[in-house]
Amino acid sequence: MSLDHALAQAVKPLVDAMGGTLIEPGDAREDDVVLQWEGEQVVAVRLPQLADSLDHILAALERQHGRPLAELDRRTKQSVVRTLEARGAFSVRHGVETVAGALGVSRFTVYNYLNRENAAKGD
């Protein structure tokens, strides 16, 4: 089975972090990425949809902080927003709304966190 191949095992942590899935090359669709090793198709990577990636990132941040994001203090929520901005979360359609819901704040609050961070960068 190619999913046991060393290449598949090497890329698995990265694929998991992105919310992707390793699949057999024979099961790959047109939009999957097939990885080769020494001319042989070893494994394919099915990348998540952008909206699914945001959900995956939010879940990872919850695991990292050890509790729901809505339970974090204001300063930590601001840090989470900075992390999400750096990872492109707000380029996803409804990204602000999704993040606001996960943080238990309003969209307005998320925009305030973003504006505060961008103002600080400008100083």
PDB file of N, CA and C in Angstrom:
ATOM      1  N   MET A   1       0.854  -1.184   0.000  1.00  0.00           N
ATOM      2  CA  MET A   1       0.000   0.000   0.000  1.00  0.00           C
ATOM      3  C   MET A   1       0.894   1.239   0.000  1.00  0.00           C
ATOM      4  N   SER A   2       0.625   2.169  -0.885  1.00  0.00           N
ATOM      5  CA  SER A   2       1.495   3.329  -1.021  1.00  0.00           C
ATOM      6  C   SER A   2       1.378   4.304   0.147  1.00  0.00           C
ATOM      7  N   LEU A   3       0.294   4.245   0.927  1.00  0.00           N
ATOM      8  CA  LEU A   3       0.167   5.152   2.065  1.00  0.00           C
ATOM      9  C   LEU A   3       1.169   4.821   3.171  1.00  0.00           C
ATOM     10  N   ASP A   4       1.787   3.644   3.081  1.00  0.00           N
ATOM     11  CA  ASP A   4       2.830   3.257   4.031  1.00  0.00           C
ATOM     12  C   ASP A   4       4.214   3.676   3.543  1.00  0.00           C
ATOM     13  N   HIS A   5       4.314   4.158   2.313  1.00  0.00           N
ATOM     14  CA  HIS A   5       5.586   4.564   1.731  1.00  0.00           C
ATOM     15  C   HIS A   5       6.209   5.682   2.573  1.00  0.00           C
ATOM     16  N   ALA A   6       7.524   5.728   2.614  1.00  0.00           N
ATOM     17  CA  ALA A   6       8.240   6.739   3.403  1.00  0.00           C
ATOM     18  C   ALA A   6       7.854   8.167   3.002  1.00  0.00           C
ATOM     19  N   LEU A   7       7.639   8.401   1.713  1.00  0.00           N
ATOM     20  CA  LEU A   7       7.237   9.745   1.271  1.00  0.00           C
ATOM     21  C   LEU A   7       5.878  10.113   1.847  1.00  0.00           C
ATOM     22  N   ALA A   8       4.945   9.186   1.804  1.00  0.00           N
ATOM     23  CA  ALA A   8       3.608   9.446   2.344  1.00  0.00           C
ATOM     24  C   ALA A   8       3.702   9.750   3.836  1.00  0.00           C
ATOM     25  N   GLN A   9       4.503   8.996   4.559  1.00  0.00           N
ATOM     26  CA  GLN A   9       4.655   9.223   5.995  1.00  0.00           C
ATOM     27  C   GLN A   9       5.357  10.554   6.273  1.00  0.00           C
ATOM     28  N   ALA A  10       6.270  10.946   5.396  1.00  0.00           N
ATOM     29  CA  ALA A  10       6.989  12.210   5.582  1.00  0.00           C
ATOM     30  C   ALA A  10       6.083  13.421   5.390  1.00  0.00           C
ATOM     31  N   VAL A  11       5.163  13.357   4.435  1.00  0.00           N
ATOM     32  CA  VAL A  11       4.300  14.510   4.166  1.00  0.00           C
ATOM     33  C   VAL A  11       3.021  14.498   5.002  1.00  0.00           C
ATOM     34  N   LYS A  12       2.740  13.393   5.666  1.00  0.00           N
ATOM     35  CA  LYS A  12       1.491  13.277   6.424  1.00  0.00           C
ATOM     36  C   LYS A  12       1.294  14.400   7.449  1.00  0.00           C
ATOM     37  N   PRO A  13       2.294  14.758   8.269  1.00  0.00           N
ATOM     38  CA  PRO A  13       2.064  15.849   9.229  1.00  0.00           C
ATOM     39  C   PRO A  13       1.692  17.176   8.549  1.00  0.00           C
ATOM     40  N   LEU A  14       2.294  17.471   7.423  1.00  0.00           N
ATOM     41  CA  LEU A  14       1.972  18.694   6.691  1.00  0.00           C
ATOM     42  C   LEU A  14       0.561  18.626   6.126  1.00  0.00           C
ATOM     43  N   VAL A  15       0.213  17.506   5.530  1.00  0.00           N
ATOM     44  CA  VAL A  15      -1.128  17.327   4.964  1.00  0.00           C
ATOM     45  C   VAL A  15      -2.179  17.418   6.068  1.00  0.00           C
ATOM     46  N   ASP A  16      -1.904  16.788   7.206  1.00  0.00           N
ATOM     47  CA  ASP A  16      -2.839  16.853   8.343  1.00  0.00           C
ATOM     48  C   ASP A  16      -2.999  18.290   8.828  1.00  0.00           C
ATOM     49  N   ALA A  17      -1.894  19.027   8.912  1.00  0.00           N
ATOM     50  CA  ALA A  17      -1.946  20.411   9.383  1.00  0.00           C
ATOM     51  C   ALA A  17      -2.774  21.294   8.453  1.00  0.00           C
ATOM     52  N   MET A  18      -2.785  20.959   7.167  1.00  0.00           N
ATOM     53  CA  MET A  18      -3.564  21.729   6.197  1.00  0.00           C
ATOM     54  C   MET A  18      -5.012  21.279   6.136  1.00  0.00           C
ATOM     55  N   GLY A  19      -5.313  20.145   6.768  1.00  0.00           N
ATOM     56  CA  GLY A  19      -6.668  19.610   6.691  1.00  0.00           C
ATOM     57  C   GLY A  19      -6.888  18.787   5.441  1.00  0.00           C
ATOM     58  N   GLY A  20      -5.795  18.370   4.805  1.00  0.00           N
ATOM     59  CA  GLY A  20      -5.888  17.550   3.601  1.00  0.00           C
ATOM     60  C   GLY A  20      -5.996  16.073   3.935  1.00  0.00           C
ATOM     61  N   THR A  21      -6.045  15.251   2.891  1.00  0.00           N
ATOM     62  CA  THR A  21      -6.177  13.809   3.046  1.00  0.00           C
ATOM     63  C   THR A  21      -5.217  13.111   2.099  1.00  0.00           C
ATOM     64  N   LEU A  22      -4.536  12.089   2.603  1.00  0.00           N
ATOM     65  CA  LEU A  22      -3.706  11.246   1.748  1.00  0.00           C
ATOM     66  C   LEU A  22      -4.586  10.154   1.153  1.00  0.00           C
ATOM     67  N   ILE A  23      -4.434   9.935  -0.132  1.00  0.00           N
ATOM     68  CA  ILE A  23      -5.218   8.898  -0.806  1.00  0.00           C
ATOM     69  C   ILE A  23      -4.312   8.136  -1.764  1.00  0.00           C
ATOM     70  N   GLU A  24      -4.776   6.981  -2.165  1.00  0.00           N
ATOM     71  CA  GLU A  24      -4.051   6.177  -3.142  1.00  0.00           C
ATOM     72  C   GLU A  24      -4.020   6.917  -4.485  1.00  0.00           C
ATOM     73  N   PRO A  25      -2.908   6.862  -5.212  1.00  0.00           N
ATOM     74  CA  PRO A  25      -2.830   7.565  -6.493  1.00  0.00           C
ATOM     75  C   PRO A  25      -3.917   7.148  -7.483  1.00  0.00           C
ATOM     76  N   GLY A  26      -4.312   5.895  -7.453  1.00  0.00           N
ATOM     77  CA  GLY A  26      -5.348   5.407  -8.360  1.00  0.00           C
ATOM     78  C   GLY A  26      -6.719   5.993  -8.076  1.00  0.00           C
ATOM     79  N   ASP A  27      -6.907   6.517  -6.869  1.00  0.00           N
ATOM     80  CA  ASP A  27      -8.179   7.124  -6.482  1.00  0.00           C
ATOM     81  C   ASP A  27      -8.178   8.645  -6.653  1.00  0.00           C
ATOM     82  N   ALA A  28      -7.073   9.174  -7.166  1.00  0.00           N
ATOM     83  CA  ALA A  28      -6.937  10.630  -7.290  1.00  0.00           C
ATOM     84  C   ALA A  28      -7.893  11.186  -8.337  1.00  0.00           C
ATOM     85  N   ARG A  29      -8.419  12.369  -8.022  1.00  0.00           N
ATOM     86  CA  ARG A  29      -9.246  13.115  -8.968  1.00  0.00           C
ATOM     87  C   ARG A  29      -8.358  14.141  -9.666  1.00  0.00           C
ATOM     88  N   GLU A  30      -8.929  14.821 -10.622  1.00  0.00           N
ATOM     89  CA  GLU A  30      -8.185  15.791 -11.407  1.00  0.00           C
ATOM     90  C   GLU A  30      -7.574  16.906 -10.564  1.00  0.00           C
ATOM     91  N   ASP A  31      -8.263  17.305  -9.505  1.00  0.00           N
ATOM     92  CA  ASP A  31      -7.771  18.407  -8.679  1.00  0.00           C
ATOM     93  C   ASP A  31      -6.900  17.963  -7.511  1.00  0.00           C
ATOM     94  N   ASP A  32      -6.614  16.667  -7.389  1.00  0.00           N
ATOM     95  CA  ASP A  32      -5.707  16.170  -6.357  1.00  0.00           C
ATOM     96  C   ASP A  32      -4.262  16.325  -6.831  1.00  0.00           C
ATOM     97  N   VAL A  33      -3.339  16.342  -5.892  1.00  0.00           N
ATOM     98  CA  VAL A  33      -1.919  16.462  -6.201  1.00  0.00           C
ATOM     99  C   VAL A  33      -1.287  15.095  -6.011  1.00  0.00           C
ATOM    100  N   VAL A  34      -0.752  14.525  -7.100  1.00  0.00           N
ATOM    101  CA  VAL A  34      -0.125  13.212  -7.046  1.00  0.00           C
ATOM    102  C   VAL A  34       1.376  13.410  -6.861  1.00  0.00           C
ATOM    103  N   LEU A  35       1.916  12.769  -5.823  1.00  0.00           N
ATOM    104  CA  LEU A  35       3.344  12.865  -5.529  1.00  0.00           C
ATOM    105  C   LEU A  35       4.050  11.624  -6.057  1.00  0.00           C
ATOM    106  N   GLN A  36       5.220  11.856  -6.663  1.00  0.00           N
ATOM    107  CA  GLN A  36       5.998  10.759  -7.225  1.00  0.00           C
ATOM    108  C   GLN A  36       7.319  10.618  -6.486  1.00  0.00           C
ATOM    109  N   TRP A  37       7.821   9.387  -6.496  1.00  0.00           N
ATOM    110  CA  TRP A  37       9.126   9.095  -5.917  1.00  0.00           C
ATOM    111  C   TRP A  37       9.850   8.185  -6.895  1.00  0.00           C
ATOM    112  N   GLU A  38      10.977   8.653  -7.394  1.00  0.00           N
ATOM    113  CA  GLU A  38      11.769   7.900  -8.353  1.00  0.00           C
ATOM    114  C   GLU A  38      10.921   7.413  -9.527  1.00  0.00           C
ATOM    115  N   GLY A  39      10.081   8.318 -10.053  1.00  0.00           N
ATOM    116  CA  GLY A  39       9.282   8.033 -11.229  1.00  0.00           C
ATOM    117  C   GLY A  39       8.007   7.247 -10.978  1.00  0.00           C
ATOM    118  N   GLU A  40       7.752   6.859  -9.762  1.00  0.00           N
ATOM    119  CA  GLU A  40       6.555   6.080  -9.417  1.00  0.00           C
ATOM    120  C   GLU A  40       5.572   6.957  -8.637  1.00  0.00           C
ATOM    121  N   GLN A  41       4.299   6.887  -9.029  1.00  0.00           N
ATOM    122  CA  GLN A  41       3.270   7.593  -8.276  1.00  0.00           C
ATOM    123  C   GLN A  41       3.090   6.877  -6.944  1.00  0.00           C
ATOM    124  N   VAL A  42       3.323   7.623  -5.854  1.00  0.00           N
ATOM    125  CA  VAL A  42       3.329   7.008  -4.531  1.00  0.00           C
ATOM    126  C   VAL A  42       2.054   7.310  -3.753  1.00  0.00           C
ATOM    127  N   VAL A  43       1.655   8.568  -3.748  1.00  0.00           N
ATOM    128  CA  VAL A  43       0.520   8.982  -2.933  1.00  0.00           C
ATOM    129  C   VAL A  43      -0.082  10.233  -3.559  1.00  0.00           C
ATOM    130  N   ALA A  44      -1.360  10.439  -3.315  1.00  0.00           N
ATOM    131  CA  ALA A  44      -2.026  11.658  -3.781  1.00  0.00           C
ATOM    132  C   ALA A  44      -2.512  12.420  -2.555  1.00  0.00           C
ATOM    133  N   VAL A  45      -2.567  13.734  -2.711  1.00  0.00           N
ATOM    134  CA  VAL A  45      -3.035  14.598  -1.636  1.00  0.00           C
ATOM    135  C   VAL A  45      -4.302  15.287  -2.106  1.00  0.00           C
ATOM    136  N   ARG A  46      -5.357  15.122  -1.331  1.00  0.00           N
ATOM    137  CA  ARG A  46      -6.607  15.823  -1.593  1.00  0.00           C
ATOM    138  C   ARG A  46      -6.640  17.024  -0.662  1.00  0.00           C
ATOM    139  N   LEU A  47      -6.527  18.215  -1.252  1.00  0.00           N
ATOM    140  CA  LEU A  47      -6.525  19.447  -0.476  1.00  0.00           C
ATOM    141  C   LEU A  47      -7.942  19.825  -0.084  1.00  0.00           C
ATOM    142  N   PRO A  48      -8.094  20.446   1.069  1.00  0.00           N
ATOM    143  CA  PRO A  48      -9.439  20.831   1.519  1.00  0.00           C
ATOM    144  C   PRO A  48      -9.919  22.071   0.787  1.00  0.00           C
ATOM    145  N   GLN A  49     -11.208  22.274   0.812  1.00  0.00           N
ATOM    146  CA  GLN A  49     -11.769  23.528   0.334  1.00  0.00           C
ATOM    147  C   GLN A  49     -11.343  24.608   1.313  1.00  0.00           C
ATOM    148  N   LEU A  50     -11.238  25.847   0.857  1.00  0.00           N
ATOM    149  CA  LEU A  50     -10.771  26.920   1.730  1.00  0.00           C
ATOM    150  C   LEU A  50     -11.601  27.053   3.001  1.00  0.00           C
ATOM    151  N   ALA A  51     -12.909  26.962   2.878  1.00  0.00           N
ATOM    152  CA  ALA A  51     -13.762  27.093   4.065  1.00  0.00           C
ATOM    153  C   ALA A  51     -13.488  25.960   5.055  1.00  0.00           C
ATOM    154  N   ASP A  52     -13.240  24.761   4.549  1.00  0.00           N
ATOM    155  CA  ASP A  52     -12.904  23.634   5.420  1.00  0.00           C
ATOM    156  C   ASP A  52     -11.570  23.862   6.101  1.00  0.00           C
ATOM    157  N   SER A  53     -10.633  24.497   5.387  1.00  0.00           N
ATOM    158  CA  SER A  53      -9.329  24.798   5.970  1.00  0.00           C
ATOM    159  C   SER A  53      -9.477  25.732   7.157  1.00  0.00           C
ATOM    160  N   LEU A  54     -10.343  26.726   7.045  1.00  0.00           N
ATOM    161  CA  LEU A  54     -10.545  27.657   8.149  1.00  0.00           C
ATOM    162  C   LEU A  54     -11.098  26.926   9.368  1.00  0.00           C
ATOM    163  N   ASP A  55     -12.057  26.052   9.161  1.00  0.00           N
ATOM    164  CA  ASP A  55     -12.594  25.261  10.272  1.00  0.00           C
ATOM    165  C   ASP A  55     -11.499  24.409  10.907  1.00  0.00           C
ATOM    166  N   HIS A  56     -10.640  23.843  10.071  1.00  0.00           N
ATOM    167  CA  HIS A  56      -9.536  23.015  10.559  1.00  0.00           C
ATOM    168  C   HIS A  56      -8.557  23.860  11.379  1.00  0.00           C
ATOM    169  N   ILE A  57      -8.240  25.053  10.905  1.00  0.00           N
ATOM    170  CA  ILE A  57      -7.327  25.951  11.625  1.00  0.00           C
ATOM    171  C   ILE A  57      -7.929  26.353  12.966  1.00  0.00           C
ATOM    172  N   LEU A  58      -9.217  26.689  12.970  1.00  0.00           N
ATOM    173  CA  LEU A  58      -9.883  27.067  14.227  1.00  0.00           C
ATOM    174  C   LEU A  58      -9.853  25.913  15.232  1.00  0.00           C
ATOM    175  N   ALA A  59     -10.102  24.703  14.754  1.00  0.00           N
ATOM    176  CA  ALA A  59     -10.066  23.532  15.644  1.00  0.00           C
ATOM    177  C   ALA A  59      -8.658  23.320  16.192  1.00  0.00           C
ATOM    178  N   ALA A  60      -7.647  23.520  15.364  1.00  0.00           N
ATOM    179  CA  ALA A  60      -6.264  23.366  15.821  1.00  0.00           C
ATOM    180  C   ALA A  60      -5.922  24.417  16.874  1.00  0.00           C
ATOM    181  N   LEU A  61      -6.401  25.644  16.682  1.00  0.00           N
ATOM    182  CA  LEU A  61      -6.159  26.693  17.673  1.00  0.00           C
ATOM    183  C   LEU A  61      -6.853  26.376  18.998  1.00  0.00           C
ATOM    184  N   GLU A  62      -8.038  25.800  18.934  1.00  0.00           N
ATOM    185  CA  GLU A  62      -8.721  25.388  20.166  1.00  0.00           C
ATOM    186  C   GLU A  62      -7.910  24.320  20.891  1.00  0.00           C
ATOM    187  N   ARG A  63      -7.398  23.355  20.131  1.00  0.00           N
ATOM    188  CA  ARG A  63      -6.567  22.316  20.757  1.00  0.00           C
ATOM    189  C   ARG A  63      -5.311  22.934  21.362  1.00  0.00           C
ATOM    190  N   GLN A  64      -4.712  23.868  20.645  1.00  0.00           N
ATOM    191  CA  GLN A  64      -3.498  24.526  21.126  1.00  0.00           C
ATOM    192  C   GLN A  64      -3.738  25.275  22.437  1.00  0.00           C
ATOM    193  N   HIS A  65      -4.885  25.939  22.539  1.00  0.00           N
ATOM    194  CA  HIS A  65      -5.196  26.718  23.742  1.00  0.00           C
ATOM    195  C   HIS A  65      -5.884  25.890  24.825  1.00  0.00           C
ATOM    196  N   GLY A  66      -6.303  24.677  24.473  1.00  0.00           N
ATOM    197  CA  GLY A  66      -6.869  23.777  25.465  1.00  0.00           C
ATOM    198  C   GLY A  66      -8.290  24.073  25.885  1.00  0.00           C
ATOM    199  N   ARG A  67      -8.981  24.923  25.123  1.00  0.00           N
ATOM    200  CA  ARG A  67     -10.382  25.227  25.433  1.00  0.00           C
ATOM    201  C   ARG A  67     -11.014  25.950  24.243  1.00  0.00           C
ATOM    202  N   PRO A  68     -12.332  26.062  24.248  1.00  0.00           N
ATOM    203  CA  PRO A  68     -12.987  26.787  23.153  1.00  0.00           C
ATOM    204  C   PRO A  68     -12.455  28.214  23.042  1.00  0.00           C
ATOM    205  N   LEU A  69     -12.311  28.689  21.823  1.00  0.00           N
ATOM    206  CA  LEU A  69     -11.773  30.031  21.595  1.00  0.00           C
ATOM    207  C   LEU A  69     -12.634  31.102  22.252  1.00  0.00           C
ATOM    208  N   ALA A  70     -13.926  30.867  22.350  1.00  0.00           N
ATOM    209  CA  ALA A  70     -14.829  31.845  22.970  1.00  0.00           C
ATOM    210  C   ALA A  70     -14.521  32.048  24.451  1.00  0.00           C
ATOM    211  N   GLU A  71     -13.817  31.112  25.067  1.00  0.00           N
ATOM    212  CA  GLU A  71     -13.495  31.215  26.492  1.00  0.00           C
ATOM    213  C   GLU A  71     -12.167  31.930  26.756  1.00  0.00           C
ATOM    214  N   LEU A  72     -11.463  32.313  25.696  1.00  0.00           N
ATOM    215  CA  LEU A  72     -10.171  32.985  25.868  1.00  0.00           C
ATOM    216  C   LEU A  72     -10.363  34.427  26.303  1.00  0.00           C
ATOM    217  N   ASP A  73      -9.351  35.000  26.947  1.00  0.00           N
ATOM    218  CA  ASP A  73      -9.416  36.412  27.320  1.00  0.00           C
ATOM    219  C   ASP A  73      -9.202  37.289  26.077  1.00  0.00           C
ATOM    220  N   ARG A  74      -9.484  38.566  26.217  1.00  0.00           N
ATOM    221  CA  ARG A  74      -9.438  39.494  25.076  1.00  0.00           C
ATOM    222  C   ARG A  74      -8.065  39.511  24.411  1.00  0.00           C
ATOM    223  N   ARG A  75      -7.025  39.603  25.192  1.00  0.00           N
ATOM    224  CA  ARG A  75      -5.669  39.675  24.624  1.00  0.00           C
ATOM    225  C   ARG A  75      -5.351  38.416  23.810  1.00  0.00           C
ATOM    226  N   THR A  76      -5.737  37.264  24.305  1.00  0.00           N
ATOM    227  CA  THR A  76      -5.479  36.012  23.592  1.00  0.00           C
ATOM    228  C   THR A  76      -6.325  35.936  22.325  1.00  0.00           C
ATOM    229  N   LYS A  77      -7.565  36.423  22.392  1.00  0.00           N
ATOM    230  CA  LYS A  77      -8.396  36.462  21.183  1.00  0.00           C
ATOM    231  C   LYS A  77      -7.757  37.359  20.129  1.00  0.00           C
ATOM    232  N   GLN A  78      -7.184  38.479  20.554  1.00  0.00           N
ATOM    233  CA  GLN A  78      -6.498  39.370  19.611  1.00  0.00           C
ATOM    234  C   GLN A  78      -5.313  38.646  18.966  1.00  0.00           C
ATOM    235  N   SER A  79      -4.599  37.867  19.757  1.00  0.00           N
ATOM    236  CA  SER A  79      -3.481  37.089  19.238  1.00  0.00           C
ATOM    237  C   SER A  79      -3.963  36.045  18.228  1.00  0.00           C
ATOM    238  N   VAL A  80      -5.094  35.414  18.529  1.00  0.00           N
ATOM    239  CA  VAL A  80      -5.674  34.432  17.608  1.00  0.00           C
ATOM    240  C   VAL A  80      -6.040  35.112  16.290  1.00  0.00           C
ATOM    241  N   VAL A  81      -6.621  36.298  16.354  1.00  0.00           N
ATOM    242  CA  VAL A  81      -6.982  37.028  15.133  1.00  0.00           C
ATOM    243  C   VAL A  81      -5.723  37.350  14.321  1.00  0.00           C
ATOM    244  N   ARG A  82      -4.643  37.741  14.988  1.00  0.00           N
ATOM    245  CA  ARG A  82      -3.383  38.016  14.268  1.00  0.00           C
ATOM    246  C   ARG A  82      -2.885  36.757  13.572  1.00  0.00           C
ATOM    247  N   THR A  83      -2.947  35.634  14.275  1.00  0.00           N
ATOM    248  CA  THR A  83      -2.520  34.360  13.690  1.00  0.00           C
ATOM    249  C   THR A  83      -3.371  34.017  12.473  1.00  0.00           C
ATOM    250  N   LEU A  84      -4.676  34.180  12.622  1.00  0.00           N
ATOM    251  CA  LEU A  84      -5.584  33.856  11.518  1.00  0.00           C
ATOM    252  C   LEU A  84      -5.368  34.791  10.332  1.00  0.00           C
ATOM    253  N   GLU A  85      -5.104  36.060  10.600  1.00  0.00           N
ATOM    254  CA  GLU A  85      -4.841  36.992   9.504  1.00  0.00           C
ATOM    255  C   GLU A  85      -3.579  36.577   8.751  1.00  0.00           C
ATOM    256  N   ALA A  86      -2.546  36.198   9.493  1.00  0.00           N
ATOM    257  CA  ALA A  86      -1.295  35.769   8.866  1.00  0.00           C
ATOM    258  C   ALA A  86      -1.489  34.521   8.007  1.00  0.00           C
ATOM    259  N   ARG A  87      -2.455  33.697   8.382  1.00  0.00           N
ATOM    260  CA  ARG A  87      -2.717  32.455   7.640  1.00  0.00           C
ATOM    261  C   ARG A  87      -3.768  32.634   6.555  1.00  0.00           C
ATOM    262  N   GLY A  88      -4.228  33.857   6.331  1.00  0.00           N
ATOM    263  CA  GLY A  88      -5.148  34.132   5.238  1.00  0.00           C
ATOM    264  C   GLY A  88      -6.606  33.837   5.521  1.00  0.00           C
ATOM    265  N   ALA A  89      -6.969  33.720   6.787  1.00  0.00           N
ATOM    266  CA  ALA A  89      -8.339  33.345   7.155  1.00  0.00           C
ATOM    267  C   ALA A  89      -9.373  34.345   6.669  1.00  0.00           C
ATOM    268  N   PHE A  90      -8.978  35.592   6.541  1.00  0.00           N
ATOM    269  CA  PHE A  90      -9.964  36.610   6.203  1.00  0.00           C
ATOM    270  C   PHE A  90     -10.098  36.826   4.692  1.00  0.00           C
ATOM    271  N   SER A  91      -9.369  36.021   3.921  1.00  0.00           N
ATOM    272  CA  SER A  91      -9.557  36.044   2.470  1.00  0.00           C
ATOM    273  C   SER A  91     -10.635  35.041   2.054  1.00  0.00           C
ATOM    274  N   VAL A  92     -11.044  34.192   2.982  1.00  0.00           N
ATOM    275  CA  VAL A  92     -12.101  33.215   2.729  1.00  0.00           C
ATOM    276  C   VAL A  92     -13.455  33.910   2.868  1.00  0.00           C
ATOM    277  N   ARG A  93     -14.348  33.584   1.973  1.00  0.00           N
ATOM    278  CA  ARG A  93     -15.690  34.163   2.052  1.00  0.00           C
ATOM    279  C   ARG A  93     -16.304  33.847   3.416  1.00  0.00           C
ATOM    280  N   HIS A  94     -16.850  34.840   4.050  1.00  0.00           N
ATOM    281  CA  HIS A  94     -17.457  34.730   5.380  1.00  0.00           C
ATOM    282  C   HIS A  94     -16.429  34.409   6.462  1.00  0.00           C
ATOM    283  N   GLY A  95     -15.148  34.674   6.181  1.00  0.00           N
ATOM    284  CA  GLY A  95     -14.096  34.392   7.153  1.00  0.00           C
ATOM    285  C   GLY A  95     -14.275  35.169   8.440  1.00  0.00           C
ATOM    286  N   VAL A  96     -14.593  36.456   8.331  1.00  0.00           N
ATOM    287  CA  VAL A  96     -14.768  37.270   9.539  1.00  0.00           C
ATOM    288  C   VAL A  96     -15.931  36.733  10.363  1.00  0.00           C
ATOM    289  N   GLU A  97     -17.036  36.408   9.713  1.00  0.00           N
ATOM    290  CA  GLU A  97     -18.192  35.886  10.427  1.00  0.00           C
ATOM    291  C   GLU A  97     -17.871  34.560  11.116  1.00  0.00           C
ATOM    292  N   THR A  98     -17.153  33.698  10.411  1.00  0.00           N
ATOM    293  CA  THR A  98     -16.794  32.394  10.971  1.00  0.00           C
ATOM    294  C   THR A  98     -15.900  32.559  12.195  1.00  0.00           C
ATOM    295  N   VAL A  99     -14.899  33.432  12.069  1.00  0.00           N
ATOM    296  CA  VAL A  99     -13.982  33.671  13.182  1.00  0.00           C
ATOM    297  C   VAL A  99     -14.719  34.318  14.351  1.00  0.00           C
ATOM    298  N   ALA A 100     -15.569  35.289  14.058  1.00  0.00           N
ATOM    299  CA  ALA A 100     -16.330  35.953  15.121  1.00  0.00           C
ATOM    300  C   ALA A 100     -17.167  34.936  15.891  1.00  0.00           C
ATOM    301  N   GLY A 101     -17.820  34.042  15.182  1.00  0.00           N
ATOM    302  CA  GLY A 101     -18.620  33.011  15.838  1.00  0.00           C
ATOM    303  C   GLY A 101     -17.773  32.113  16.723  1.00  0.00           C
ATOM    304  N   ALA A 102     -16.597  31.714  16.233  1.00  0.00           N
ATOM    305  CA  ALA A 102     -15.721  30.845  17.019  1.00  0.00           C
ATOM    306  C   ALA A 102     -15.190  31.549  18.259  1.00  0.00           C
ATOM    307  N   LEU A 103     -14.942  32.860  18.144  1.00  0.00           N
ATOM    308  CA  LEU A 103     -14.412  33.628  19.273  1.00  0.00           C
ATOM    309  C   LEU A 103     -15.508  34.106  20.227  1.00  0.00           C
ATOM    310  N   GLY A 104     -16.754  33.993  19.799  1.00  0.00           N
ATOM    311  CA  GLY A 104     -17.856  34.465  20.632  1.00  0.00           C
ATOM    312  C   GLY A 104     -17.914  35.978  20.713  1.00  0.00           C
ATOM    313  N   VAL A 105     -17.526  36.638  19.622  1.00  0.00           N
ATOM    314  CA  VAL A 105     -17.557  38.102  19.555  1.00  0.00           C
ATOM    315  C   VAL A 105     -18.310  38.511  18.289  1.00  0.00           C
ATOM    316  N   SER A 106     -18.529  39.799  18.141  1.00  0.00           N
ATOM    317  CA  SER A 106     -19.199  40.292  16.940  1.00  0.00           C
ATOM    318  C   SER A 106     -18.197  40.466  15.799  1.00  0.00           C
ATOM    319  N   ARG A 107     -18.716  40.582  14.584  1.00  0.00           N
ATOM    320  CA  ARG A 107     -17.861  40.905  13.443  1.00  0.00           C
ATOM    321  C   ARG A 107     -17.148  42.225  13.679  1.00  0.00           C
ATOM    322  N   PHE A 108     -17.873  43.169  14.253  1.00  0.00           N
ATOM    323  CA  PHE A 108     -17.313  44.483  14.550  1.00  0.00           C
ATOM    324  C   PHE A 108     -16.071  44.353  15.433  1.00  0.00           C
ATOM    325  N   THR A 109     -16.127  43.474  16.410  1.00  0.00           N
ATOM    326  CA  THR A 109     -14.982  43.258  17.299  1.00  0.00           C
ATOM    327  C   THR A 109     -13.797  42.686  16.534  1.00  0.00           C
ATOM    328  N   VAL A 110     -14.049  41.728  15.663  1.00  0.00           N
ATOM    329  CA  VAL A 110     -12.965  41.158  14.850  1.00  0.00           C
ATOM    330  C   VAL A 110     -12.336  42.255  13.996  1.00  0.00           C
ATOM    331  N   TYR A 111     -13.179  43.088  13.354  1.00  0.00           N
ATOM    332  CA  TYR A 111     -12.636  44.193  12.554  1.00  0.00           C
ATOM    333  C   TYR A 111     -11.831  45.145  13.427  1.00  0.00           C
ATOM    334  N   ASN A 112     -12.273  45.400  14.648  1.00  0.00           N
ATOM    335  CA  ASN A 112     -11.507  46.254  15.562  1.00  0.00           C
ATOM    336  C   ASN A 112     -10.146  45.641  15.868  1.00  0.00           C
ATOM    337  N   TYR A 113     -10.114  44.336  16.132  1.00  0.00           N
ATOM    338  CA  TYR A 113      -8.834  43.662  16.385  1.00  0.00           C
ATOM    339  C   TYR A 113      -7.917  43.803  15.173  1.00  0.00           C
ATOM    340  N   LEU A 114      -8.473  43.602  13.985  1.00  0.00           N
ATOM    341  CA  LEU A 114      -7.674  43.727  12.765  1.00  0.00           C
ATOM    342  C   LEU A 114      -7.182  45.159  12.569  1.00  0.00           C
ATOM    343  N   ASN A 115      -8.063  46.131  12.756  1.00  0.00           N
ATOM    344  CA  ASN A 115      -7.678  47.520  12.581  1.00  0.00           C
ATOM    345  C   ASN A 115      -6.621  47.936  13.600  1.00  0.00           C
ATOM    346  N   ARG A 116      -6.758  47.488  14.825  1.00  0.00           N
ATOM    347  CA  ARG A 116      -5.789  47.811  15.863  1.00  0.00           C
ATOM    348  C   ARG A 116      -4.419  47.255  15.480  1.00  0.00           C
ATOM    349  N   GLU A 117      -4.387  46.024  15.001  1.00  0.00           N
ATOM    350  CA  GLU A 117      -3.129  45.402  14.604  1.00  0.00           C
ATOM    351  C   GLU A 117      -2.518  46.135  13.421  1.00  0.00           C
ATOM    352  N   ASN A 118      -3.322  46.467  12.427  1.00  0.00           N
ATOM    353  CA  ASN A 118      -2.798  47.156  11.243  1.00  0.00           C
ATOM    354  C   ASN A 118      -2.334  48.577  11.582  1.00  0.00           C
ATOM    355  N   ALA A 119      -3.005  49.240  12.523  1.00  0.00           N
ATOM    356  CA  ALA A 119      -2.575  50.579  12.962  1.00  0.00           C
ATOM    357  C   ALA A 119      -1.231  50.476  13.677  1.00  0.00           C
ATOM    358  N   ALA A 120      -1.062  49.436  14.476  1.00  0.00           N
ATOM    359  CA  ALA A 120       0.206  49.252  15.191  1.00  0.00           C
ATOM    360  C   ALA A 120       1.352  48.975  14.213  1.00  0.00           C
ATOM    361  N   LYS A 121       1.065  48.263  13.133  1.00  0.00           N
ATOM    362  CA  LYS A 121       2.092  47.993  12.117  1.00  0.00           C
ATOM    363  C   LYS A 121       2.502  49.290  11.416  1.00  0.00           C
ATOM    364  N   GLY A 122       1.550  50.210  11.274  1.00  0.00           N
ATOM    365  CA  GLY A 122       1.817  51.476  10.582  1.00  0.00           C
ATOM    366  C   GLY A 122       2.656  52.439  11.401  1.00  0.00           C
ATOM    367  N   ASP A 123       2.693  52.262  12.716  1.00  0.00           N
ATOM    368  CA  ASP A 123       3.474  53.163  13.592  1.00  0.00           C
ATOM    369  C   ASP A 123       4.953  52.903  13.502  1.00  0.00           C
TER     370      ASP A 123
END
